[in-house]
Amino acid sequence: MEARDKQVLRSLRLELGAEVLVEGLVLQYLYQEGVLTESHVQEIKAQATGLRKTMLLLDILPSRGPKAFDAFLDSLQEFPWVREKLEKAREEAIVELPAETEEQRTELAKKKRRKKES
């Protein structure tokens, strides 16, 4: 999973926990698409509350490969407002990355100048 997508999941973690019930179509779709293993599904289902199930899924997803985020979006058929929120956050993260990179370059250049002056 791309760093940007990991950031989106982390930034919306509490909202996702409150709004998404993963035990139905979400888990089955992610299993069907090979994002989750049978072991993952069983571990998630064993959690006591819906919130814990969602949090465990959010812990597992980032390590499940490059298609995990898109598959998660596709699995949210019952939660279109959540999918829209994730897509919007993803688009905004793309816009912010170049600015952060430019800011980092500027900071690095300042540090190099300070070293030369010392």
Protein backbone atom coordinates (compact mmCIF):
# COMPACT_ATOMS: atom_id res chain seq x y z
CA MET A 1 0.00 0.00 0.00
CA GLU A 2 1.28 3.45 -0.88
CA ALA A 3 2.36 5.76 1.93
CA ARG A 4 -0.36 8.23 0.91
CA ASP A 5 -3.07 5.58 1.32
CA LYS A 6 -1.68 4.52 4.69
CA GLN A 7 -1.83 8.15 5.78
CA VAL A 8 -5.47 8.42 4.65
CA LEU A 9 -6.46 5.33 6.65
CA ARG A 10 -4.61 6.63 9.70
CA SER A 11 -6.12 10.11 9.48
CA LEU A 12 -9.69 8.77 9.22
CA ARG A 13 -9.22 5.84 11.60
CA LEU A 14 -11.70 6.95 14.28
CA GLU A 15 -14.34 7.94 11.74
CA LEU A 16 -13.99 4.61 9.96
CA GLY A 17 -14.30 2.80 13.28
CA ALA A 18 -17.54 4.62 14.03
CA GLU A 19 -19.12 4.36 10.57
CA VAL A 20 -18.07 1.04 8.99
CA LEU A 21 -19.35 -2.40 9.95
CA VAL A 22 -16.78 -4.75 8.43
CA GLU A 23 -18.24 -8.15 9.26
CA GLY A 24 -20.60 -8.32 6.29
CA LEU A 25 -19.68 -7.54 2.70
CA VAL A 26 -16.46 -5.72 3.54
CA LEU A 27 -14.67 -8.78 4.95
CA GLN A 28 -16.06 -11.17 2.36
CA TYR A 29 -15.10 -8.90 -0.54
CA LEU A 30 -11.56 -8.41 0.76
CA TYR A 31 -11.24 -12.18 1.22
CA GLN A 32 -12.59 -12.81 -2.29
CA GLU A 33 -10.06 -10.37 -3.76
CA GLY A 34 -7.15 -12.01 -1.92
CA VAL A 35 -6.46 -9.00 0.27
CA LEU A 36 -7.31 -10.95 3.42
CA THR A 37 -6.51 -14.55 4.23
CA GLU A 38 -8.95 -16.92 5.90
CA SER A 39 -6.90 -16.49 9.07
CA HIS A 40 -7.35 -12.69 8.91
CA VAL A 41 -11.11 -13.08 8.48
CA GLN A 42 -11.36 -15.43 11.47
CA GLU A 43 -9.20 -13.16 13.63
CA ILE A 44 -11.33 -10.12 12.77
CA LYS A 45 -14.62 -11.98 13.35
CA ALA A 46 -13.35 -13.12 16.76
CA GLN A 47 -13.17 -9.54 18.03
CA ALA A 48 -15.84 -8.68 20.61
CA THR A 49 -17.19 -5.44 19.12
CA GLY A 50 -17.73 -3.91 15.71
CA LEU A 51 -15.25 -1.16 16.57
CA ARG A 52 -12.52 -3.68 17.42
CA LYS A 53 -13.22 -5.57 14.19
CA THR A 54 -12.83 -2.41 12.14
CA MET A 55 -9.69 -1.34 14.01
CA LEU A 56 -8.06 -4.74 13.45
CA LEU A 57 -8.90 -4.57 9.75
CA LEU A 58 -7.32 -1.10 9.59
CA ASP A 59 -4.22 -2.51 11.30
CA ILE A 60 -3.97 -5.36 8.77
CA LEU A 61 -4.75 -3.51 5.51
CA PRO A 62 -1.52 -1.47 5.14
CA SER A 63 0.59 -4.64 4.95
CA ARG A 64 -1.62 -6.41 2.39
CA GLY A 65 -0.09 -5.14 -0.84
CA PRO A 66 -0.56 -2.41 -3.43
CA LYS A 67 -4.19 -3.22 -4.28
CA ALA A 68 -5.42 -3.30 -0.66
CA PHE A 69 -6.62 0.31 -0.51
CA ASP A 70 -8.52 0.16 -3.80
CA ALA A 71 -10.06 -3.17 -2.82
CA PHE A 72 -11.11 -1.63 0.50
CA LEU A 73 -12.77 1.25 -1.39
CA ASP A 74 -14.58 -1.28 -3.60
CA SER A 75 -15.74 -3.21 -0.53
CA LEU A 76 -17.57 -0.18 0.86
CA GLN A 77 -20.67 -0.63 -1.33
CA GLU A 78 -22.92 -0.38 1.73
CA PHE A 79 -21.11 2.77 2.91
CA PRO A 80 -20.92 5.12 -0.13
CA TRP A 81 -20.46 8.23 2.06
CA VAL A 82 -17.40 6.62 3.66
CA ARG A 83 -15.96 5.72 0.26
CA GLU A 84 -16.45 9.33 -0.89
CA LYS A 85 -14.71 10.62 2.23
CA LEU A 86 -11.73 8.29 1.65
CA GLU A 87 -11.48 9.23 -2.03
CA LYS A 88 -11.57 12.94 -1.19
CA ALA A 89 -8.87 12.52 1.48
CA ARG A 90 -6.77 10.56 -1.02
CA GLU A 91 -7.06 13.33 -3.64
CA GLU A 92 -6.11 15.97 -1.08
CA ALA A 93 -3.12 13.88 0.00
CA ILE A 94 -1.90 13.83 -3.62
CA VAL A 95 -2.15 17.62 -3.82
CA GLU A 96 -0.21 18.05 -0.57
CA LEU A 97 2.70 15.76 -1.46
CA PRO A 98 4.44 18.09 -3.97
CA ALA A 99 4.20 21.01 -1.52
CA GLU A 100 5.72 18.90 1.24
CA THR A 101 8.50 17.80 -1.08
CA GLU A 102 9.28 21.40 -2.04
CA GLU A 103 9.25 22.40 1.62
CA GLN A 104 11.65 19.56 2.42
CA ARG A 105 13.99 20.64 -0.39
CA THR A 106 14.00 24.22 0.90
CA GLU A 107 14.79 23.03 4.43
CA LEU A 108 17.59 20.80 3.17
CA ALA A 109 19.10 23.69 1.18
CA LYS A 110 19.02 25.89 4.31
CA LYS A 111 20.81 23.21 6.32
CA LYS A 112 23.51 22.87 3.64
CA ARG A 113 24.08 26.64 3.65
CA ARG A 114 24.38 26.67 7.43
CA LYS A 115 26.96 23.87 7.26
CA LYS A 116 29.02 25.77 4.69
CA GLU A 117 28.89 28.93 6.81
CA SER A 118 30.13 27.07 9.89
